[in-house]
PDB file of N, CA and C in Angstrom:
ATOM      1  N   UNK A   1      62.246  77.135 101.992  1.00  0.00           N
ATOM      2  CA  UNK A   1      63.630  76.795 101.831  1.00  0.00           C
ATOM      3  C   UNK A   1      63.777  75.449 101.139  1.00  0.00           C
ATOM      4  N   UNK A   2      62.939  74.511 101.500  1.00  0.00           N
ATOM      5  CA  UNK A   2      63.023  73.188 100.898  1.00  0.00           C
ATOM      6  C   UNK A   2      62.735  73.234  99.395  1.00  0.00           C
ATOM      7  N   UNK A   3      61.829  74.121  98.975  1.00  0.00           N
ATOM      8  CA  UNK A   3      61.512  74.256  97.547  1.00  0.00           C
ATOM      9  C   UNK A   3      62.729  74.704  96.737  1.00  0.00           C
ATOM     10  N   UNK A   4      63.641  75.425  97.376  1.00  0.00           N
ATOM     11  CA  UNK A   4      64.829  75.920  96.696  1.00  0.00           C
ATOM     12  C   UNK A   4      66.076  75.086  96.980  1.00  0.00           C
ATOM     13  N   UNK A   5      65.894  73.971  97.682  1.00  0.00           N
ATOM     14  CA  UNK A   5      67.026  73.094  97.965  1.00  0.00           C
ATOM     15  C   UNK A   5      67.999  73.656  98.983  1.00  0.00           C
ATOM     16  N   UNK A   6      67.502  74.490  99.899  1.00  0.00           N
ATOM     17  CA  UNK A   6      68.348  75.097 100.905  1.00  0.00           C
ATOM     18  C   UNK A   6      68.063  74.453 102.249  1.00  0.00           C
ATOM     19  N   UNK A   7      69.132  74.075 102.955  1.00  0.00           N
ATOM     20  CA  UNK A   7      68.968  73.494 104.282  1.00  0.00           C
ATOM     21  C   UNK A   7      68.833  74.602 105.322  1.00  0.00           C
ATOM     22  N   UNK A   8      68.017  74.414 106.356  1.00  0.00           N
ATOM     23  CA  UNK A   8      67.803  75.461 107.355  1.00  0.00           C
ATOM     24  C   UNK A   8      68.991  75.699 108.278  1.00  0.00           C
ATOM     25  N   UNK A   9      69.935  74.770 108.342  1.00  0.00           N
ATOM     26  CA  UNK A   9      71.083  74.943 109.222  1.00  0.00           C
ATOM     27  C   UNK A   9      72.342  74.554 108.482  1.00  0.00           C
ATOM     28  N   UNK A  10      73.422  75.306 108.720  1.00  0.00           N
ATOM     29  CA  UNK A  10      74.681  75.006 108.034  1.00  0.00           C
ATOM     30  C   UNK A  10      75.571  74.090 108.846  1.00  0.00           C
ATOM     31  N   UNK A  11      75.311  73.929 110.112  1.00  0.00           N
ATOM     32  CA  UNK A  11      76.233  73.169 110.933  1.00  0.00           C
ATOM     33  C   UNK A  11      75.529  72.277 111.913  1.00  0.00           C
ATOM     34  N   UNK A  12      76.325  71.680 112.752  1.00  0.00           N
ATOM     35  CA  UNK A  12      75.798  70.845 113.816  1.00  0.00           C
ATOM     36  C   UNK A  12      76.353  71.371 115.127  1.00  0.00           C
ATOM     37  N   UNK A  13      75.847  70.864 116.214  1.00  0.00           N
ATOM     38  CA  UNK A  13      76.274  71.336 117.522  1.00  0.00           C
ATOM     39  C   UNK A  13      77.783  71.131 117.670  1.00  0.00           C
ATOM     40  N   UNK A  14      78.458  72.194 118.112  1.00  0.00           N
ATOM     41  CA  UNK A  14      79.877  72.091 118.387  1.00  0.00           C
ATOM     42  C   UNK A  14      80.796  72.590 117.292  1.00  0.00           C
ATOM     43  N   UNK A  15      80.282  72.866 116.103  1.00  0.00           N
ATOM     44  CA  UNK A  15      81.183  73.390 115.081  1.00  0.00           C
ATOM     45  C   UNK A  15      81.067  74.914 115.016  1.00  0.00           C
ATOM     46  N   UNK A  16      81.932  75.531 114.236  1.00  0.00           N
ATOM     47  CA  UNK A  16      82.023  76.986 114.242  1.00  0.00           C
ATOM     48  C   UNK A  16      80.783  77.688 113.706  1.00  0.00           C
ATOM     49  N   UNK A  17      79.918  76.979 112.982  1.00  0.00           N
ATOM     50  CA  UNK A  17      78.732  77.625 112.433  1.00  0.00           C
ATOM     51  C   UNK A  17      77.607  77.743 113.459  1.00  0.00           C
ATOM     52  N   UNK A  18      77.800  77.205 114.648  1.00  0.00           N
ATOM     53  CA  UNK A  18      76.783  77.309 115.678  1.00  0.00           C
ATOM     54  C   UNK A  18      77.134  78.292 116.787  1.00  0.00           C
ATOM     55  N   UNK A  19      78.274  78.921 116.707  1.00  0.00           N
ATOM     56  CA  UNK A  19      78.628  79.822 117.800  1.00  0.00           C
ATOM     57  C   UNK A  19      78.115  81.236 117.539  1.00  0.00           C
ATOM     58  N   UNK A  20      78.183  82.052 118.550  1.00  0.00           N
ATOM     59  CA  UNK A  20      77.610  83.400 118.487  1.00  0.00           C
ATOM     60  C   UNK A  20      78.313  84.281 117.454  1.00  0.00           C
ATOM     61  N   UNK A  21      79.614  84.114 117.287  1.00  0.00           N
ATOM     62  CA  UNK A  21      80.338  84.931 116.321  1.00  0.00           C
ATOM     63  C   UNK A  21      79.820  84.707 114.911  1.00  0.00           C
ATOM     64  N   UNK A  22      79.645  83.465 114.527  1.00  0.00           N
ATOM     65  CA  UNK A  22      79.149  83.181 113.183  1.00  0.00           C
ATOM     66  C   UNK A  22      77.695  83.611 113.032  1.00  0.00           C
ATOM     67  N   UNK A  23      76.906  83.432 114.081  1.00  0.00           N
ATOM     68  CA  UNK A  23      75.515  83.877 114.019  1.00  0.00           C
ATOM     69  C   UNK A  23      75.462  85.385 113.805  1.00  0.00           C
ATOM     70  N   UNK A  24      76.330  86.114 114.484  1.00  0.00           N
ATOM     71  CA  UNK A  24      76.380  87.570 114.321  1.00  0.00           C
ATOM     72  C   UNK A  24      76.809  87.934 112.902  1.00  0.00           C
ATOM     73  N   UNK A  25      77.803  87.229 112.370  1.00  0.00           N
ATOM     74  CA  UNK A  25      78.250  87.498 111.010  1.00  0.00           C
ATOM     75  C   UNK A  25      77.119  87.287 110.012  1.00  0.00           C
ATOM     76  N   UNK A  26      76.437  86.139 110.101  1.00  0.00           N
ATOM     77  CA  UNK A  26      75.355  85.844 109.149  1.00  0.00           C
ATOM     78  C   UNK A  26      74.228  86.857 109.290  1.00  0.00           C
ATOM     79  N   UNK A  27      73.941  87.270 110.512  1.00  0.00           N
ATOM     80  CA  UNK A  27      72.902  88.272 110.733  1.00  0.00           C
ATOM     81  C   UNK A  27      73.272  89.593 110.057  1.00  0.00           C
ATOM     82  N   UNK A  28      74.522  90.014 110.233  1.00  0.00           N
ATOM     83  CA  UNK A  28      74.984  91.262 109.616  1.00  0.00           C
ATOM     84  C   UNK A  28      74.928  91.169 108.099  1.00  0.00           C
ATOM     85  N   UNK A  29      75.381  90.055 107.551  1.00  0.00           N
ATOM     86  CA  UNK A  29      75.365  89.873 106.099  1.00  0.00           C
ATOM     87  C   UNK A  29      73.935  89.942 105.561  1.00  0.00           C
ATOM     88  N   UNK A  30      73.015  89.314 106.255  1.00  0.00           N
ATOM     89  CA  UNK A  30      71.611  89.336 105.807  1.00  0.00           C
ATOM     90  C   UNK A  30      71.034  90.755 105.861  1.00  0.00           C
ATOM     91  N   UNK A  31      71.284  91.450 106.970  1.00  0.00           N
ATOM     92  CA  UNK A  31      70.730  92.790 107.137  1.00  0.00           C
ATOM     93  C   UNK A  31      71.308  93.759 106.110  1.00  0.00           C
ATOM     94  N   UNK A  32      72.633  93.723 105.932  1.00  0.00           N
ATOM     95  CA  UNK A  32      73.287  94.723 105.093  1.00  0.00           C
ATOM     96  C   UNK A  32      73.293  94.377 103.607  1.00  0.00           C
ATOM     97  N   UNK A  33      73.135  93.107 103.264  1.00  0.00           N
ATOM     98  CA  UNK A  33      73.233  92.737 101.852  1.00  0.00           C
ATOM     99  C   UNK A  33      71.986  92.021 101.352  1.00  0.00           C
ATOM    100  N   UNK A  34      71.660  90.921 101.951  1.00  0.00           N
ATOM    101  CA  UNK A  34      70.622  90.040 101.405  1.00  0.00           C
ATOM    102  C   UNK A  34      69.245  90.686 101.405  1.00  0.00           C
ATOM    103  N   UNK A  35      68.844  91.287 102.514  1.00  0.00           N
ATOM    104  CA  UNK A  35      67.500  91.853 102.604  1.00  0.00           C
ATOM    105  C   UNK A  35      67.345  93.162 101.821  1.00  0.00           C
ATOM    106  N   UNK A  36      68.443  93.732 101.345  1.00  0.00           N
ATOM    107  CA  UNK A  36      68.397  94.993 100.599  1.00  0.00           C
ATOM    108  C   UNK A  36      68.487  94.795  99.090  1.00  0.00           C
ATOM    109  N   UNK A  37      68.704  93.572  98.643  1.00  0.00           N
ATOM    110  CA  UNK A  37      68.933  93.314  97.223  1.00  0.00           C
ATOM    111  C   UNK A  37      68.170  92.080  96.762  1.00  0.00           C
ATOM    112  N   UNK A  38      68.098  91.932  95.462  1.00  0.00           N
ATOM    113  CA  UNK A  38      67.612  90.688  94.866  1.00  0.00           C
ATOM    114  C   UNK A  38      68.446  90.426  93.622  1.00  0.00           C
ATOM    115  N   UNK A  39      68.596  89.175  93.272  1.00  0.00           N
ATOM    116  CA  UNK A  39      69.434  88.788  92.143  1.00  0.00           C
ATOM    117  C   UNK A  39      68.655  87.863  91.233  1.00  0.00           C
ATOM    118  N   UNK A  40      68.988  87.922  89.965  1.00  0.00           N
ATOM    119  CA  UNK A  40      68.294  87.088  88.983  1.00  0.00           C
ATOM    120  C   UNK A  40      68.797  85.653  88.994  1.00  0.00           C
ATOM    121  N   UNK A  41      70.076  85.468  89.278  1.00  0.00           N
ATOM    122  CA  UNK A  41      70.641  84.112  89.248  1.00  0.00           C
ATOM    123  C   UNK A  41      71.417  83.829  90.524  1.00  0.00           C
ATOM    124  N   UNK A  42      71.658  82.550  90.747  1.00  0.00           N
ATOM    125  CA  UNK A  42      72.461  82.147  91.903  1.00  0.00           C
ATOM    126  C   UNK A  42      73.892  82.686  91.771  1.00  0.00           C
ATOM    127  N   UNK A  43      74.434  82.681  90.544  1.00  0.00           N
ATOM    128  CA  UNK A  43      75.781  83.214  90.323  1.00  0.00           C
ATOM    129  C   UNK A  43      75.878  84.683  90.737  1.00  0.00           C
ATOM    130  N   UNK A  44      74.869  85.480  90.393  1.00  0.00           N
ATOM    131  CA  UNK A  44      74.866  86.888  90.797  1.00  0.00           C
ATOM    132  C   UNK A  44      74.868  87.010  92.322  1.00  0.00           C
ATOM    133  N   UNK A  45      74.068  86.183  92.970  1.00  0.00           N
ATOM    134  CA  UNK A  45      74.002  86.220  94.431  1.00  0.00           C
ATOM    135  C   UNK A  45      75.340  85.798  95.041  1.00  0.00           C
ATOM    136  N   UNK A  46      75.942  84.738  94.517  1.00  0.00           N
ATOM    137  CA  UNK A  46      77.237  84.281  95.032  1.00  0.00           C
ATOM    138  C   UNK A  46      78.312  85.352  94.858  1.00  0.00           C
ATOM    139  N   UNK A  47      78.317  86.010  93.703  1.00  0.00           N
ATOM    140  CA  UNK A  47      79.292  87.065  93.468  1.00  0.00           C
ATOM    141  C   UNK A  47      79.070  88.242  94.409  1.00  0.00           C
ATOM    142  N   UNK A  48      77.827  88.570  94.681  1.00  0.00           N
ATOM    143  CA  UNK A  48      77.524  89.668  95.599  1.00  0.00           C
ATOM    144  C   UNK A  48      77.989  89.338  97.015  1.00  0.00           C
ATOM    145  N   UNK A  49      77.756  88.108  97.443  1.00  0.00           N
ATOM    146  CA  UNK A  49      78.195  87.697  98.779  1.00  0.00           C
ATOM    147  C   UNK A  49      79.725  87.720  98.851  1.00  0.00           C
ATOM    148  N   UNK A  50      80.386  87.196  97.828  1.00  0.00           N
ATOM    149  CA  UNK A  50      81.844  87.219  97.810  1.00  0.00           C
ATOM    150  C   UNK A  50      82.373  88.652  97.866  1.00  0.00           C
ATOM    151  N   UNK A  51      81.800  89.524  97.058  1.00  0.00           N
ATOM    152  CA  UNK A  51      82.230  90.916  97.036  1.00  0.00           C
ATOM    153  C   UNK A  51      82.015  91.576  98.390  1.00  0.00           C
ATOM    154  N   UNK A  52      80.890  91.293  99.024  1.00  0.00           N
ATOM    155  CA  UNK A  52      80.601  91.857 100.339  1.00  0.00           C
ATOM    156  C   UNK A  52      81.645  91.407 101.358  1.00  0.00           C
ATOM    157  N   UNK A  53      81.889  90.112 101.408  1.00  0.00           N
ATOM    158  CA  UNK A  53      82.817  89.580 102.405  1.00  0.00           C
ATOM    159  C   UNK A  53      84.242  90.057 102.128  1.00  0.00           C
ATOM    160  N   UNK A  54      84.695  89.903 100.897  1.00  0.00           N
ATOM    161  CA  UNK A  54      86.080  90.225 100.572  1.00  0.00           C
ATOM    162  C   UNK A  54      86.319  91.722 100.453  1.00  0.00           C
ATOM    163  N   UNK A  55      85.372  92.437  99.895  1.00  0.00           N
ATOM    164  CA  UNK A  55      85.600  93.844  99.603  1.00  0.00           C
ATOM    165  C   UNK A  55      85.098  94.831 100.626  1.00  0.00           C
ATOM    166  N   UNK A  56      84.195  94.418 101.485  1.00  0.00           N
ATOM    167  CA  UNK A  56      83.652  95.372 102.450  1.00  0.00           C
ATOM    168  C   UNK A  56      83.853  94.894 103.873  1.00  0.00           C
ATOM    169  N   UNK A  57      83.322  93.746 104.186  1.00  0.00           N
ATOM    170  CA  UNK A  57      83.298  93.306 105.574  1.00  0.00           C
ATOM    171  C   UNK A  57      84.702  93.185 106.153  1.00  0.00           C
ATOM    172  N   UNK A  58      85.621  92.635 105.370  1.00  0.00           N
ATOM    173  CA  UNK A  58      86.957  92.392 105.904  1.00  0.00           C
ATOM    174  C   UNK A  58      87.908  93.564 105.772  1.00  0.00           C
ATOM    175  N   UNK A  59      87.754  94.406 104.791  1.00  0.00           N
ATOM    176  CA  UNK A  59      88.799  95.380 104.533  1.00  0.00           C
ATOM    177  C   UNK A  59      88.438  96.831 104.813  1.00  0.00           C
ATOM    178  N   UNK A  60      87.196  97.205 104.658  1.00  0.00           N
ATOM    179  CA  UNK A  60      86.845  98.618 104.799  1.00  0.00           C
ATOM    180  C   UNK A  60      86.082  98.959 106.076  1.00  0.00           C
ATOM    181  N   UNK A  61      85.552  97.969 106.740  1.00  0.00           N
ATOM    182  CA  UNK A  61      84.743  98.236 107.925  1.00  0.00           C
ATOM    183  C   UNK A  61      85.630  98.683 109.079  1.00  0.00           C
ATOM    184  N   UNK A  62      85.321  99.855 109.656  1.00  0.00           N
ATOM    185  CA  UNK A  62      86.131 100.340 110.769  1.00  0.00           C
ATOM    186  C   UNK A  62      85.887  99.468 111.994  1.00  0.00           C
ATOM    187  N   UNK A  63      86.928  99.339 112.807  1.00  0.00           N
ATOM    188  CA  UNK A  63      86.844  98.490 113.984  1.00  0.00           C
ATOM    189  C   UNK A  63      87.439  99.206 115.189  1.00  0.00           C
ATOM    190  N   UNK A  64      86.762  99.101 116.298  1.00  0.00           N
ATOM    191  CA  UNK A  64      87.202  99.757 117.525  1.00  0.00           C
ATOM    192  C   UNK A  64      88.596  99.288 117.931  1.00  0.00           C
ATOM    193  N   UNK A  65      88.844  97.978 117.869  1.00  0.00           N
ATOM    194  CA  UNK A  65      90.127  97.437 118.303  1.00  0.00           C
ATOM    195  C   UNK A  65      91.292  97.855 117.409  1.00  0.00           C
ATOM    196  N   UNK A  66      91.006  98.397 116.260  1.00  0.00           N
ATOM    197  CA  UNK A  66      92.062  98.886 115.364  1.00  0.00           C
ATOM    198  C   UNK A  66      92.163 100.405 115.407  1.00  0.00           C
ATOM    199  N   UNK A  67      91.682 100.991 116.489  1.00  0.00           N
ATOM    200  CA  UNK A  67      91.747 102.448 116.641  1.00  0.00           C
ATOM    201  C   UNK A  67      90.768 103.163 115.728  1.00  0.00           C
ATOM    202  N   UNK A  68      89.608 102.562 115.528  1.00  0.00           N
ATOM    203  CA  UNK A  68      88.561 103.116 114.657  1.00  0.00           C
ATOM    204  C   UNK A  68      89.059 103.273 113.220  1.00  0.00           C
ATOM    205  N   UNK A  69      89.891 102.320 112.794  1.00  0.00           N
ATOM    206  CA  UNK A  69      90.368 102.277 111.409  1.00  0.00           C
ATOM    207  C   UNK A  69      89.922 100.969 110.787  1.00  0.00           C
ATOM    208  N   UNK A  70      89.920 100.949 109.475  1.00  0.00           N
ATOM    209  CA  UNK A  70      89.610  99.708 108.772  1.00  0.00           C
ATOM    210  C   UNK A  70      90.860  98.834 108.788  1.00  0.00           C
ATOM    211  N   UNK A  71      90.718  97.536 108.539  1.00  0.00           N
ATOM    212  CA  UNK A  71      91.911  96.688 108.451  1.00  0.00           C
ATOM    213  C   UNK A  71      92.905  97.188 107.401  1.00  0.00           C
ATOM    214  N   UNK A  72      92.421  97.688 106.271  1.00  0.00           N
ATOM    215  CA  UNK A  72      93.327  98.232 105.253  1.00  0.00           C
ATOM    216  C   UNK A  72      94.110  99.426 105.792  1.00  0.00           C
ATOM    217  N   UNK A  73      93.415 100.346 106.462  1.00  0.00           N
ATOM    218  CA  UNK A  73      94.082 101.527 107.015  1.00  0.00           C
ATOM    219  C   UNK A  73      95.089 101.125 108.096  1.00  0.00           C
ATOM    220  N   UNK A  74      94.691 100.175 108.937  1.00  0.00           N
ATOM    221  CA  UNK A  74      95.566  99.714 110.018  1.00  0.00           C
ATOM    222  C   UNK A  74      96.830  99.078 109.445  1.00  0.00           C
ATOM    223  N   UNK A  75      96.679  98.206 108.450  1.00  0.00           N
ATOM    224  CA  UNK A  75      97.841  97.552 107.851  1.00  0.00           C
ATOM    225  C   UNK A  75      98.752  98.550 107.142  1.00  0.00           C
ATOM    226  N   UNK A  76      98.174  99.516 106.451  1.00  0.00           N
ATOM    227  CA  UNK A  76      98.982 100.527 105.778  1.00  0.00           C
ATOM    228  C   UNK A  76      99.800 101.309 106.797  1.00  0.00           C
ATOM    229  N   UNK A  77      99.164 101.712 107.898  1.00  0.00           N
ATOM    230  CA  UNK A  77      99.869 102.452 108.946  1.00  0.00           C
ATOM    231  C   UNK A  77     100.964 101.585 109.572  1.00  0.00           C
ATOM    232  N   UNK A  78     100.681 100.313 109.790  1.00  0.00           N
ATOM    233  CA  UNK A  78     101.668  99.408 110.378  1.00  0.00           C
ATOM    234  C   UNK A  78     102.877  99.258 109.462  1.00  0.00           C
ATOM    235  N   UNK A  79     102.639  99.044 108.160  1.00  0.00           N
ATOM    236  CA  UNK A  79     103.746  98.890 107.207  1.00  0.00           C
ATOM    237  C   UNK A  79     104.551 100.186 107.078  1.00  0.00           C
ATOM    238  N   UNK A  80     103.875 101.317 107.102  1.00  0.00           N
ATOM    239  CA  UNK A  80     104.574 102.608 107.054  1.00  0.00           C
ATOM    240  C   UNK A  80     105.469 102.763 108.273  1.00  0.00           C
ATOM    241  N   UNK A  81     104.932 102.422 109.440  1.00  0.00           N
ATOM    242  CA  UNK A  81     105.704 102.505 110.685  1.00  0.00           C
ATOM    243  C   UNK A  81     106.911 101.569 110.637  1.00  0.00           C
ATOM    244  N   UNK A  82     106.718 100.341 110.141  1.00  0.00           N
ATOM    245  CA  UNK A  82     107.825  99.384 110.034  1.00  0.00           C
ATOM    246  C   UNK A  82     108.911  99.902 109.099  1.00  0.00           C
ATOM    247  N   UNK A  83     108.508 100.489 107.974  1.00  0.00           N
ATOM    248  CA  UNK A  83     109.474 101.025 107.018  1.00  0.00           C
ATOM    249  C   UNK A  83     110.253 102.185 107.634  1.00  0.00           C
ATOM    250  N   UNK A  84     109.565 103.027 108.403  1.00  0.00           N
ATOM    251  CA  UNK A  84     110.232 104.157 109.058  1.00  0.00           C
ATOM    252  C   UNK A  84     111.240 103.659 110.094  1.00  0.00           C
ATOM    253  N   UNK A  85     110.872 102.630 110.837  1.00  0.00           N
ATOM    254  CA  UNK A  85     111.787 102.070 111.828  1.00  0.00           C
ATOM    255  C   UNK A  85     112.999 101.438 111.157  1.00  0.00           C
ATOM    256  N   UNK A  86     112.773 100.736 110.060  1.00  0.00           N
ATOM    257  CA  UNK A  86     113.875 100.113 109.331  1.00  0.00           C
ATOM    258  C   UNK A  86     114.809 101.178 108.781  1.00  0.00           C
ATOM    259  N   UNK A  87     114.253 102.257 108.272  1.00  0.00           N
ATOM    260  CA  UNK A  87     115.060 103.353 107.730  1.00  0.00           C
ATOM    261  C   UNK A  87     115.874 104.004 108.842  1.00  0.00           C
ATOM    262  N   UNK A  88     115.278 104.184 110.003  1.00  0.00           N
ATOM    263  CA  UNK A  88     115.980 104.799 111.129  1.00  0.00           C
ATOM    264  C   UNK A  88     117.078 103.888 111.665  1.00  0.00           C
ATOM    265  N   UNK A  89     116.925 102.582 111.492  1.00  0.00           N
ATOM    266  CA  UNK A  89     117.908 101.624 112.004  1.00  0.00           C
ATOM    267  C   UNK A  89     119.141 101.527 111.123  1.00  0.00           C
ATOM    268  N   UNK A  90     119.066 102.035 109.920  1.00  0.00           N
ATOM    269  CA  UNK A  90     120.225 101.987 109.027  1.00  0.00           C
ATOM    270  C   UNK A  90     121.247 103.004 109.517  1.00  0.00           C
ATOM    271  N   UNK A  91     122.414 102.514 109.851  1.00  0.00           N
ATOM    272  CA  UNK A  91     123.465 103.381 110.370  1.00  0.00           C
ATOM    273  C   UNK A  91     124.416 103.727 109.234  1.00  0.00           C
ATOM    274  N   UNK A  92     124.568 105.014 109.012  1.00  0.00           N
ATOM    275  CA  UNK A  92     125.495 105.474 107.995  1.00  0.00           C
ATOM    276  C   UNK A  92     126.898 105.525 108.617  1.00  0.00           C
ATOM    277  N   UNK A  93     127.888 104.997 107.922  1.00  0.00           N
ATOM    278  CA  UNK A  93     129.241 105.035 108.491  1.00  0.00           C
ATOM    279  C   UNK A  93     129.765 106.466 108.569  1.00  0.00           C
ATOM    280  N   UNK A  94     130.501 106.719 109.624  1.00  0.00           N
ATOM    281  CA  UNK A  94     131.127 108.026 109.804  1.00  0.00           C
ATOM    282  C   UNK A  94     132.272 108.165 108.790  1.00  0.00           C
ATOM    283  N   UNK A  95     132.382 109.325 108.180  1.00  0.00           N
ATOM    284  CA  UNK A  95     133.516 109.487 107.261  1.00  0.00           C
ATOM    285  C   UNK A  95     134.826 109.457 108.042  1.00  0.00           C
ATOM    286  N   UNK A  96     135.804 108.813 107.462  1.00  0.00           N
ATOM    287  CA  UNK A  96     137.100 108.723 108.137  1.00  0.00           C
ATOM    288  C   UNK A  96     137.985 109.886 107.709  1.00  0.00           C
ATOM    289  N   UNK A  97     138.966 110.186 108.514  1.00  0.00           N
ATOM    290  CA  UNK A  97     139.875 111.291 108.187  1.00  0.00           C
ATOM    291  C   UNK A  97     140.718 110.952 106.966  1.00  0.00           C
ATOM    292  N   UNK A  98     141.254 111.951 106.326  1.00  0.00           N
ATOM    293  CA  UNK A  98     142.097 111.731 105.143  1.00  0.00           C
ATOM    294  C   UNK A  98     143.352 111.002 105.542  1.00  0.00           C
ATOM    295  N   UNK A  99     143.838 110.118 104.727  1.00  0.00           N
ATOM    296  CA  UNK A  99     145.062 109.370 105.014  1.00  0.00           C
ATOM    297  C   UNK A  99     146.142 109.770 104.113  1.00  0.00           C
TER     298      UNK A  99
END
Protein backbone atom coordinates (compact mmCIF):
# COMPACT_ATOMS: atom_id res chain seq x y z
CA UNK A 1 0.00 0.00 0.00
CA UNK A 2 2.80 2.39 0.83
CA UNK A 3 4.36 1.84 -2.63
CA UNK A 4 1.13 3.14 -4.17
CA UNK A 5 0.68 6.05 -1.77
CA UNK A 6 -2.36 4.52 -0.09
CA UNK A 7 -2.93 4.85 3.64
CA UNK A 8 -4.09 1.70 5.49
CA UNK A 9 -6.86 3.52 7.35
CA UNK A 10 -9.29 6.21 6.24
CA UNK A 11 -10.30 7.46 9.64
CA UNK A 12 -9.51 7.77 13.27
CA UNK A 13 -11.27 6.47 16.34
CA UNK A 14 -14.72 7.98 16.73
CA UNK A 15 -15.46 9.07 13.19
CA UNK A 16 -17.90 7.45 10.79
CA UNK A 17 -15.21 5.52 8.91
CA UNK A 18 -14.51 3.36 11.96
CA UNK A 19 -18.00 2.10 12.68
CA UNK A 20 -19.47 -1.23 11.66
CA UNK A 21 -21.77 0.23 9.01
CA UNK A 22 -18.92 1.74 7.03
CA UNK A 23 -16.79 -1.37 7.49
CA UNK A 24 -19.65 -3.43 6.06
CA UNK A 25 -20.04 -1.04 3.13
CA UNK A 26 -16.33 -1.13 2.26
CA UNK A 27 -16.31 -4.92 2.58
CA UNK A 28 -19.27 -5.23 0.20
CA UNK A 29 -17.71 -2.82 -2.29
CA UNK A 30 -14.45 -4.78 -2.28
CA UNK A 31 -16.15 -8.16 -2.67
CA UNK A 32 -18.59 -7.12 -5.39
CA UNK A 33 -16.44 -4.69 -7.36
CA UNK A 34 -12.77 -4.38 -6.50
CA UNK A 35 -11.78 -8.04 -6.24
CA UNK A 36 -13.65 -8.91 -9.47
CA UNK A 37 -12.09 -6.26 -11.70
CA UNK A 38 -8.87 -4.51 -12.59
CA UNK A 39 -8.36 -1.10 -14.15
CA UNK A 40 -5.57 0.42 -16.17
CA UNK A 41 -5.74 3.87 -14.60
CA UNK A 42 -6.81 5.47 -11.35
CA UNK A 43 -9.48 7.43 -13.28
CA UNK A 44 -11.02 4.17 -14.53
CA UNK A 45 -11.07 2.81 -10.98
CA UNK A 46 -12.62 6.01 -9.59
CA UNK A 47 -15.31 5.98 -12.27
CA UNK A 48 -16.08 2.33 -11.55
CA UNK A 49 -16.43 3.01 -7.83
CA UNK A 50 -18.65 6.02 -8.51
CA UNK A 51 -20.82 4.02 -10.89
CA UNK A 52 -21.11 1.19 -8.37
CA UNK A 53 -22.13 3.46 -5.51
CA UNK A 54 -24.44 5.75 -7.46
CA UNK A 55 -25.84 3.31 -9.98
CA UNK A 56 -26.08 0.03 -8.13
CA UNK A 57 -25.57 0.13 -4.40
CA UNK A 58 -27.95 3.00 -3.72
CA UNK A 59 -30.65 2.63 -6.33
CA UNK A 60 -31.08 -0.93 -7.55
CA UNK A 61 -30.20 -3.11 -4.58
CA UNK A 62 -33.32 -4.63 -3.03
CA UNK A 63 -33.77 -4.02 0.67
CA UNK A 64 -35.84 -5.87 3.24
CA UNK A 65 -36.98 -2.67 4.96
CA UNK A 66 -38.40 -1.40 1.67
CA UNK A 67 -40.58 -4.47 1.18
CA UNK A 68 -37.93 -6.30 -0.86
CA UNK A 69 -37.85 -3.44 -3.38
CA UNK A 70 -35.01 -1.27 -4.54
CA UNK A 71 -34.95 2.39 -3.47
CA UNK A 72 -35.95 3.35 -7.03
CA UNK A 73 -38.94 0.98 -6.98
CA UNK A 74 -39.94 2.14 -3.49
CA UNK A 75 -39.80 5.83 -4.45
CA UNK A 76 -41.74 5.25 -7.66
CA UNK A 77 -44.47 3.42 -5.73
CA UNK A 78 -44.54 6.16 -3.08
CA UNK A 79 -44.88 8.95 -5.68
CA UNK A 80 -47.58 7.00 -7.53
CA UNK A 81 -49.48 6.55 -4.26
CA UNK A 82 -49.13 10.27 -3.43
CA UNK A 83 -50.42 11.25 -6.88
CA UNK A 84 -53.40 8.90 -6.51
CA UNK A 85 -54.23 10.37 -3.10
CA UNK A 86 -53.95 13.91 -4.44
CA UNK A 87 -56.23 13.02 -7.36
CA UNK A 88 -58.78 11.46 -5.01
CA UNK A 89 -58.70 14.56 -2.80
CA UNK A 90 -59.78 16.84 -5.63
CA UNK A 91 -63.46 17.51 -5.10
CA UNK A 92 -65.49 18.21 -8.19
CA UNK A 93 -68.25 20.76 -7.58
CA UNK A 94 -71.79 19.48 -7.80
CA UNK A 95 -73.69 20.90 -10.75
CA UNK A 96 -76.25 23.43 -9.65
CA UNK A 97 -79.85 23.45 -10.81
CA UNK A 98 -80.89 25.64 -13.73
CA UNK A 99 -81.77 29.20 -12.79
